[in-house]
């Protein structure tokens, strides 16, 4: 079985995993102190969980890794490593260790959470050992400026283990101009170079075998929606379901304004969905069939919109307000027990001759007002 060899001295490569229990980690402040403690470590051919157990015992730091990370690693929890760390603090060592394997760390309360990087997620499957090697070297090997050492691809091909790597550029790219723009990030890693190459376009990149593929972000969203999931939502808000599906696929979710108002509240607030080994895309299709919502893939993720049929049905259900003319006449009518009743009448409620008389009276009144205003202006 393949295993990963690491030597760390202020910079380290490696793979991580498994959830380990806390050993007296009392507060975030203590966690920050523990991250600054020096670490000396030498492990050979151990499972990844053993690495974290050893680090925990020597530093008191609790590491938490969710099952998703293990699903991306070549051999899951049975992935084996060699690791040597010298003259480095835990804070200095963790970044390079994880970057080598497409992982990252974040402080989560009183624990260190280990999560997949976006580059690993974009592979959309369990990485092979060879793919993880390519991704790790893209993220850690330092490349020189293109003017001094040649193109990024040429430099990668001169790197041990990457002799067969190829770059498949986007079909619309002006390679000369765009590569020159991305070269400004060098010296640096190939991963940073690829990020800059895609920046300003709706592109992204992923590793497949020995290939580095650049594609449209919308196409990548489609790839991530193919992730298989097991779902069991009972009497759950549809909004929360959509947010959870987007989280599992690692895509953005936007909702057009008021979209849930087009769905009966009994459906939008009490939705049931149970599926086994289905893709996120299939789950969205089921929801669409039950609600007539549309899920449109964009470069940013998935947008939930009401379908044309849903809009038409909603418009038909709305009572059409009849346009009414404003009140025309106010009348004071005596009521019982000395009460005066104010009555407002519209033109259509009066005989035509009465309406004509009122219009003439209004014109006379307006003329009179204008005459008095002119007299006031002429008065010295």
Protein backbone atom coordinates (compact mmCIF):
# COMPACT_ATOMS: atom_id res chain seq x y z
CA UNK A 1 0.00 0.00 0.00
CA UNK A 2 1.27 3.47 -0.82
CA UNK A 3 2.15 5.72 2.08
CA UNK A 4 3.16 9.34 2.41
CA UNK A 5 6.59 10.37 3.61
CA UNK A 6 7.06 13.70 5.31
CA UNK A 7 9.87 15.66 6.84
CA UNK A 8 9.03 18.86 8.65
CA UNK A 9 11.27 21.64 9.84
CA UNK A 10 9.21 24.80 9.89
CA UNK A 11 7.55 23.50 6.72
CA UNK A 12 5.89 20.12 6.37
CA UNK A 13 3.96 17.93 3.96
CA UNK A 14 1.26 15.40 4.89
CA UNK A 15 -2.18 13.91 5.29
CA UNK A 16 -4.59 14.14 8.21
CA UNK A 17 -7.62 12.55 9.67
CA UNK A 18 -9.91 11.01 12.18
CA UNK A 19 -11.63 12.57 15.09
CA UNK A 20 -9.63 12.57 18.30
CA UNK A 21 -10.91 13.30 21.78
CA UNK A 22 -10.02 16.41 23.76
CA UNK A 23 -7.30 16.17 26.41
CA UNK A 24 -8.17 18.95 28.78
CA UNK A 25 -8.49 21.75 26.25
CA UNK A 26 -10.31 24.31 28.39
CA UNK A 27 -10.65 27.45 26.28
CA UNK A 28 -9.92 29.07 22.92
CA UNK A 29 -7.14 31.04 24.63
CA UNK A 30 -5.43 27.85 25.74
CA UNK A 31 -5.82 26.49 22.21
CA UNK A 32 -3.98 29.49 20.80
CA UNK A 33 -1.18 28.93 23.32
CA UNK A 34 -0.96 25.25 22.38
CA UNK A 35 -0.63 26.13 18.69
CA UNK A 36 2.57 28.02 19.52
CA UNK A 37 4.23 25.08 21.29
CA UNK A 38 7.16 23.39 19.49
CA UNK A 39 6.53 19.93 18.07
CA UNK A 40 9.03 17.13 17.51
CA UNK A 41 7.54 14.18 15.71
CA UNK A 42 8.82 11.14 13.87
CA UNK A 43 6.30 8.58 12.63
CA UNK A 44 6.74 5.78 10.11
CA UNK A 45 3.98 3.94 8.22
CA UNK A 46 1.18 4.89 10.62
CA UNK A 47 -2.51 5.40 9.95
CA UNK A 48 -3.51 9.03 9.71
CA UNK A 49 -5.52 8.84 12.92
CA UNK A 50 -2.38 7.90 14.81
CA UNK A 51 -0.72 11.12 13.68
CA UNK A 52 -3.43 13.20 15.35
CA UNK A 53 -3.42 11.07 18.45
CA UNK A 54 0.32 11.65 18.79
CA UNK A 55 -0.04 15.39 18.19
CA UNK A 56 -2.83 15.57 20.73
CA UNK A 57 -0.84 13.76 23.37
CA UNK A 58 2.14 16.08 22.90
CA UNK A 59 0.26 19.38 22.61
CA UNK A 60 -3.13 18.88 24.30
CA UNK A 61 -4.90 20.09 21.14
CA UNK A 62 -8.14 18.40 20.11
CA UNK A 63 -8.51 17.65 16.39
CA UNK A 64 -11.94 17.15 14.82
CA UNK A 65 -12.30 15.68 11.36
CA UNK A 66 -15.64 14.98 9.74
CA UNK A 67 -16.37 11.90 7.65
CA UNK A 68 -16.28 13.92 4.43
CA UNK A 69 -12.51 14.36 4.63
CA UNK A 70 -11.97 10.60 4.90
CA UNK A 71 -14.21 10.16 1.86
CA UNK A 72 -11.78 12.21 -0.24
CA UNK A 73 -8.55 10.47 0.87
CA UNK A 74 -7.19 7.59 -1.25
CA UNK A 75 -7.55 4.93 1.46
CA UNK A 76 -9.83 6.70 3.92
CA UNK A 77 -8.88 6.10 7.54
CA UNK A 78 -6.40 3.41 6.43
CA UNK A 79 -4.18 5.91 4.61
CA UNK A 80 -0.67 5.51 5.99
CA UNK A 81 2.10 8.06 6.35
CA UNK A 82 5.66 8.72 7.40
CA UNK A 83 6.05 12.06 9.18
CA UNK A 84 9.00 13.89 10.69
CA UNK A 85 8.56 17.31 12.31
CA UNK A 86 11.49 19.20 13.81
CA UNK A 87 12.06 22.77 14.99
CA UNK A 88 8.51 23.89 14.22
CA UNK A 89 5.50 24.97 16.25
CA UNK A 90 2.20 23.24 15.70
CA UNK A 91 0.88 26.42 14.04
CA UNK A 92 3.82 26.41 11.60
CA UNK A 93 3.56 22.70 10.85
CA UNK A 94 -0.19 22.27 10.33
CA UNK A 95 -0.56 24.40 7.20
CA UNK A 96 2.11 22.66 5.12
CA UNK A 97 1.08 19.25 6.45
CA UNK A 98 -2.50 19.73 5.34
CA UNK A 99 -1.82 21.59 2.10
CA UNK A 100 0.18 18.59 0.92
CA UNK A 101 -3.01 16.55 1.04
CA UNK A 102 -5.55 19.14 -0.09
CA UNK A 103 -6.74 19.78 3.46
CA UNK A 104 -6.88 22.85 5.68
CA UNK A 105 -7.32 23.64 9.37
CA UNK A 106 -9.51 26.14 11.18
CA UNK A 107 -10.04 27.00 14.81
CA UNK A 108 -13.53 25.86 15.77
CA UNK A 109 -14.23 26.85 19.36
CA UNK A 110 -11.91 24.74 21.50
CA UNK A 111 -10.91 22.39 18.69
CA UNK A 112 -8.96 22.34 15.44
CA UNK A 113 -11.31 21.40 12.60
CA UNK A 114 -9.76 19.59 9.63
CA UNK A 115 -11.60 20.23 6.36
CA UNK A 116 -11.07 19.63 2.64
CA UNK A 117 -9.82 22.55 0.55
CA UNK A 118 -11.83 23.77 -2.41
CA UNK A 119 -9.27 22.21 -4.75
CA UNK A 120 -9.87 18.78 -3.21
CA UNK A 121 -13.65 19.24 -3.24
CA UNK A 122 -13.54 20.12 -6.93
CA UNK A 123 -12.23 16.63 -7.69
CA UNK A 124 -15.77 15.42 -6.85
CA UNK A 125 -14.59 11.95 -5.85
CA UNK A 126 -12.14 9.99 -3.74
CA UNK A 127 -8.70 11.03 -4.94
CA UNK A 128 -6.23 8.45 -6.15
CA UNK A 129 -2.79 8.43 -4.56
CA UNK A 130 -1.35 9.86 -7.79
CA UNK A 131 -3.97 12.65 -7.95
CA UNK A 132 -3.34 13.59 -4.35
CA UNK A 133 0.38 13.73 -5.08
CA UNK A 134 -0.26 16.13 -7.99
CA UNK A 135 -2.60 18.30 -5.91
CA UNK A 136 -0.17 18.33 -2.99
CA UNK A 137 2.73 19.46 -5.13
CA UNK A 138 0.62 22.11 -6.86
CA UNK A 139 -0.10 23.51 -3.39
CA UNK A 140 3.36 23.26 -1.84
CA UNK A 141 6.17 23.23 -4.43
CA UNK A 142 7.55 26.74 -4.92
CA UNK A 143 7.94 27.80 -8.55
CA UNK A 144 10.25 30.55 -9.78
CA UNK A 145 9.33 33.38 -12.14
CA UNK A 146 8.65 32.24 -15.69
CA UNK A 147 11.36 34.54 -17.08
CA UNK A 148 13.99 32.75 -14.98
CA UNK A 149 12.83 29.12 -14.93
CA UNK A 150 10.41 28.69 -17.81
CA UNK A 151 6.66 28.16 -17.91
CA UNK A 152 4.72 26.75 -14.98
CA UNK A 153 4.04 23.50 -16.83
CA UNK A 154 7.74 23.11 -17.72
CA UNK A 155 8.72 23.69 -14.11
CA UNK A 156 6.16 21.15 -12.91
CA UNK A 157 7.42 18.57 -15.39
CA UNK A 158 10.88 18.97 -13.88
CA UNK A 159 9.45 18.19 -10.44
CA UNK A 160 9.77 14.62 -9.21
CA UNK A 161 6.47 12.79 -9.61
CA UNK A 162 4.97 15.36 -12.01
CA UNK A 163 6.83 14.44 -15.18
CA UNK A 164 3.59 13.53 -16.97
CA UNK A 165 1.45 16.44 -15.79
CA UNK A 166 -0.46 18.36 -18.50
CA UNK A 167 -2.53 21.54 -18.43
CA UNK A 168 -5.81 21.62 -20.35
CA UNK A 169 -6.63 25.35 -20.72
CA UNK A 170 -10.09 26.79 -21.16
CA UNK A 171 -11.27 26.79 -24.77
CA UNK A 172 -11.73 30.58 -24.85
CA UNK A 173 -8.37 31.48 -23.34
CA UNK A 174 -5.74 33.70 -24.94
CA UNK A 175 -2.93 31.62 -23.51
CA UNK A 176 -0.13 34.07 -24.16
CA UNK A 177 -1.85 37.04 -22.52
CA UNK A 178 -3.52 35.14 -19.67
CA UNK A 179 -0.44 33.09 -18.78
CA UNK A 180 1.63 36.28 -18.69
CA UNK A 181 -0.93 37.85 -16.33
CA UNK A 182 -0.90 34.81 -14.03
CA UNK A 183 2.92 34.77 -14.04
CA UNK A 184 2.83 37.91 -11.89
CA UNK A 185 2.11 35.73 -8.84
CA UNK A 186 5.47 33.95 -9.25
CA UNK A 187 7.57 33.08 -7.38
CA UNK A 188 4.85 31.10 -5.67
CA UNK A 189 2.93 27.85 -5.91
CA UNK A 190 1.24 26.51 -9.04
CA UNK A 191 -2.08 26.53 -7.14
CA UNK A 192 -1.81 30.31 -6.68
CA UNK A 193 -0.88 30.67 -10.36
CA UNK A 194 -3.97 28.68 -11.39
CA UNK A 195 -6.19 30.74 -9.08
CA UNK A 196 -4.95 33.97 -10.65
CA UNK A 197 -5.33 32.51 -14.14
CA UNK A 198 -9.02 31.83 -13.44
CA UNK A 199 -9.58 35.11 -11.57
CA UNK A 200 -11.62 37.62 -13.56
CA UNK A 201 -13.27 34.84 -15.57
CA UNK A 202 -16.05 32.45 -14.62
CA UNK A 203 -13.47 29.62 -14.63
CA UNK A 204 -12.05 27.24 -12.08
CA UNK A 205 -9.66 24.28 -12.10
CA UNK A 206 -9.43 20.73 -10.84
CA UNK A 207 -7.06 17.75 -10.97
CA UNK A 208 -7.97 14.60 -12.87
CA UNK A 209 -5.25 11.99 -13.11
CA UNK A 210 -2.16 13.82 -14.36
CA UNK A 211 -4.26 16.55 -15.93
CA UNK A 212 -5.01 20.04 -14.62
CA UNK A 213 -8.37 20.96 -16.18
CA UNK A 214 -9.74 24.51 -16.45
CA UNK A 215 -13.51 24.70 -16.95
CA UNK A 216 -16.44 27.07 -16.54
CA UNK A 217 -17.61 27.48 -12.96
CA UNK A 218 -21.16 26.53 -14.00
CA UNK A 219 -19.85 23.24 -15.38
CA UNK A 220 -18.04 22.66 -12.10
CA UNK A 221 -21.29 23.28 -10.20
CA UNK A 222 -22.93 20.58 -12.35
CA UNK A 223 -20.09 18.21 -11.41
CA UNK A 224 -20.52 18.89 -7.70
CA UNK A 225 -24.29 18.38 -7.89
CA UNK A 226 -23.53 14.78 -8.91
CA UNK A 227 -22.41 14.07 -5.34
CA UNK A 228 -24.31 11.13 -3.86
CA UNK A 229 -26.07 11.67 -0.57
CA UNK A 230 -28.52 9.87 1.72
CA UNK A 231 -31.38 12.14 2.76
CA UNK A 232 -34.08 11.97 5.40
CA UNK A 233 -36.02 15.19 5.95
CA UNK A 234 -39.30 14.98 7.85
CA UNK A 235 -41.64 17.91 8.37
CA UNK A 236 -38.77 20.28 7.58
CA UNK A 237 -38.68 23.80 6.18
CA UNK A 238 -37.98 23.62 2.45
CA UNK A 239 -35.56 26.53 2.79
CA UNK A 240 -33.51 24.59 5.33
CA UNK A 241 -33.54 21.53 3.07
CA UNK A 242 -32.21 23.54 0.12
CA UNK A 243 -29.51 25.10 2.29
CA UNK A 244 -28.43 21.66 3.51
CA UNK A 245 -28.32 20.24 -0.03
CA UNK A 246 -26.20 23.19 -1.17
CA UNK A 247 -23.89 22.65 1.82
CA UNK A 248 -23.41 18.98 1.00
CA UNK A 249 -22.63 19.79 -2.65
CA UNK A 250 -20.41 22.73 -1.61
CA UNK A 251 -22.22 25.13 -3.96
CA UNK A 252 -23.79 28.52 -3.40
CA UNK A 253 -27.57 28.88 -3.08
CA UNK A 254 -29.53 31.98 -4.04
CA UNK A 255 -33.28 32.37 -3.94
CA UNK A 256 -35.21 34.85 -6.05
CA UNK A 257 -37.13 37.37 -3.88
CA UNK A 258 -40.31 35.92 -2.40
CA UNK A 259 -39.87 32.57 -4.13
CA UNK A 260 -41.32 30.61 -1.20
CA UNK A 261 -44.46 32.74 -1.25
CA UNK A 262 -45.48 30.97 -4.47
CA UNK A 263 -45.70 27.66 -2.61
CA UNK A 264 -48.44 26.79 -0.09
CA UNK A 265 -47.10 27.18 3.44
CA UNK A 266 -48.12 23.60 4.25
CA UNK A 267 -45.58 22.52 1.63
CA UNK A 268 -42.82 25.08 2.17
CA UNK A 269 -42.79 24.71 5.96
CA UNK A 270 -43.48 20.97 6.29
CA UNK A 271 -41.63 19.19 3.50
CA UNK A 272 -40.75 15.49 3.55
CA UNK A 273 -37.97 13.96 1.47
CA UNK A 274 -36.26 10.59 1.87
CA UNK A 275 -33.73 9.32 -0.67
CA UNK A 276 -30.91 6.79 -0.50
CA UNK A 277 -27.69 7.07 -2.51
CA UNK A 278 -29.16 9.77 -4.72
CA UNK A 279 -27.32 12.74 -6.17
CA UNK A 280 -28.00 16.26 -4.97
CA UNK A 281 -29.15 17.00 -8.51
CA UNK A 282 -31.75 14.23 -8.30
CA UNK A 283 -32.98 15.58 -4.96
CA UNK A 284 -33.47 19.00 -6.54
CA UNK A 285 -35.39 17.38 -9.40
CA UNK A 286 -37.75 15.69 -6.92
CA UNK A 287 -38.30 19.00 -5.11
CA UNK A 288 -38.94 20.71 -8.45
CA UNK A 289 -41.56 18.11 -9.36
CA UNK A 290 -43.32 18.55 -6.02
CA UNK A 291 -43.28 22.35 -5.94
CA UNK A 292 -42.84 23.59 -9.55
CA UNK A 293 -39.73 25.49 -8.47
CA UNK A 294 -36.90 25.74 -10.98
CA UNK A 295 -33.25 25.27 -10.00
CA UNK A 296 -30.96 27.11 -12.39
CA UNK A 297 -27.22 26.45 -12.33
CA UNK A 298 -25.05 29.58 -12.46
CA UNK A 299 -21.36 30.29 -12.00
CA UNK A 300 -22.11 31.06 -8.34
CA UNK A 301 -24.11 27.89 -7.64
CA UNK A 302 -27.84 27.14 -7.80
CA UNK A 303 -30.65 29.69 -7.95
CA UNK A 304 -34.19 28.74 -6.89
CA UNK A 305 -36.84 30.44 -9.02
CA UNK A 306 -40.60 30.05 -9.54
CA UNK A 307 -41.37 28.33 -12.84
CA UNK A 308 -43.49 30.02 -15.52
CA UNK A 309 -46.33 27.69 -14.59
CA UNK A 310 -46.06 28.64 -10.93
CA UNK A 311 -46.06 32.34 -11.80
CA UNK A 312 -49.13 31.91 -14.01
CA UNK A 313 -51.00 29.94 -11.36
CA UNK A 314 -50.17 32.54 -8.73
CA UNK A 315 -51.36 35.37 -10.99
CA UNK A 316 -54.64 33.56 -11.72
CA UNK A 317 -55.26 33.03 -8.03
CA UNK A 318 -54.86 36.72 -7.20
CA UNK A 319 -58.20 38.61 -7.14
CA UNK A 320 -58.21 41.28 -9.82
CA UNK A 321 -58.83 44.65 -8.23
CA UNK A 322 -61.32 46.72 -10.16
CA UNK A 323 -60.07 50.20 -10.79
CA UNK A 324 -62.44 52.61 -9.04
CA UNK A 325 -62.87 56.33 -9.52
CA UNK A 326 -62.19 58.61 -6.56
CA UNK A 327 -64.95 59.94 -4.34
CA UNK A 328 -66.76 62.88 -5.96
CA UNK A 329 -69.24 64.21 -3.36
CA UNK A 330 -69.29 64.25 0.43
CA UNK A 331 -72.73 64.56 2.06
CA UNK A 332 -73.64 65.01 5.70
CA UNK A 333 -76.90 63.23 6.54
CA UNK A 334 -78.70 63.47 9.86
CA UNK A 335 -78.92 60.17 11.69
CA UNK A 336 -80.84 58.99 14.78
CA UNK A 337 -80.16 60.46 18.18
CA UNK A 338 -78.46 63.55 16.73
CA UNK A 339 -75.73 61.56 14.96
CA UNK A 340 -74.45 62.94 11.65
CA UNK A 341 -73.54 60.41 8.99
CA UNK A 342 -70.89 61.31 6.42
CA UNK A 343 -71.62 59.78 3.02
CA UNK A 344 -69.11 59.73 0.10
CA UNK A 345 -70.41 59.28 -3.42
CA UNK A 346 -68.67 58.60 -6.76
CA UNK A 347 -69.78 60.12 -10.08
CA UNK A 348 -71.27 56.83 -11.30
CA UNK A 349 -73.54 56.80 -8.27
CA UNK A 350 -75.20 60.12 -9.23
CA UNK A 351 -77.57 61.09 -12.07
CA UNK A 352 -75.79 62.60 -15.08
CA UNK A 353 -77.51 65.97 -14.76
CA UNK A 354 -76.45 66.25 -11.11
CA UNK A 355 -72.88 65.43 -12.07
CA UNK A 356 -73.05 68.13 -14.78
CA UNK A 357 -74.33 70.70 -12.28
CA UNK A 358 -71.53 69.87 -9.85
CA UNK A 359 -68.89 70.16 -12.60
CA UNK A 360 -70.26 73.58 -13.63
CA UNK A 361 -70.30 74.72 -10.01
CA UNK A 362 -66.68 73.59 -9.62
CA UNK A 363 -65.64 75.57 -12.71
CA UNK A 364 -67.42 78.70 -11.43
CA UNK A 365 -65.76 78.29 -8.06
CA UNK A 366 -62.30 77.90 -9.60
CA UNK A 367 -62.84 81.00 -11.76
CA UNK A 368 -63.94 82.96 -8.72
CA UNK A 369 -60.81 81.92 -6.82
CA UNK A 370 -58.59 82.99 -9.70
CA UNK A 371 -60.35 86.37 -9.94
CA UNK A 372 -59.93 87.06 -6.26
CA UNK A 373 -56.27 86.11 -6.47
CA UNK A 374 -55.68 88.57 -9.34
CA UNK A 375 -57.47 91.37 -7.45
CA UNK A 376 -55.24 90.73 -4.45
CA UNK A 377 -52.13 91.04 -6.61
CA UNK A 378 -53.33 94.39 -8.08
CA UNK A 379 -54.10 95.88 -4.69
CA UNK A 380 -51.28 98.27 -3.64
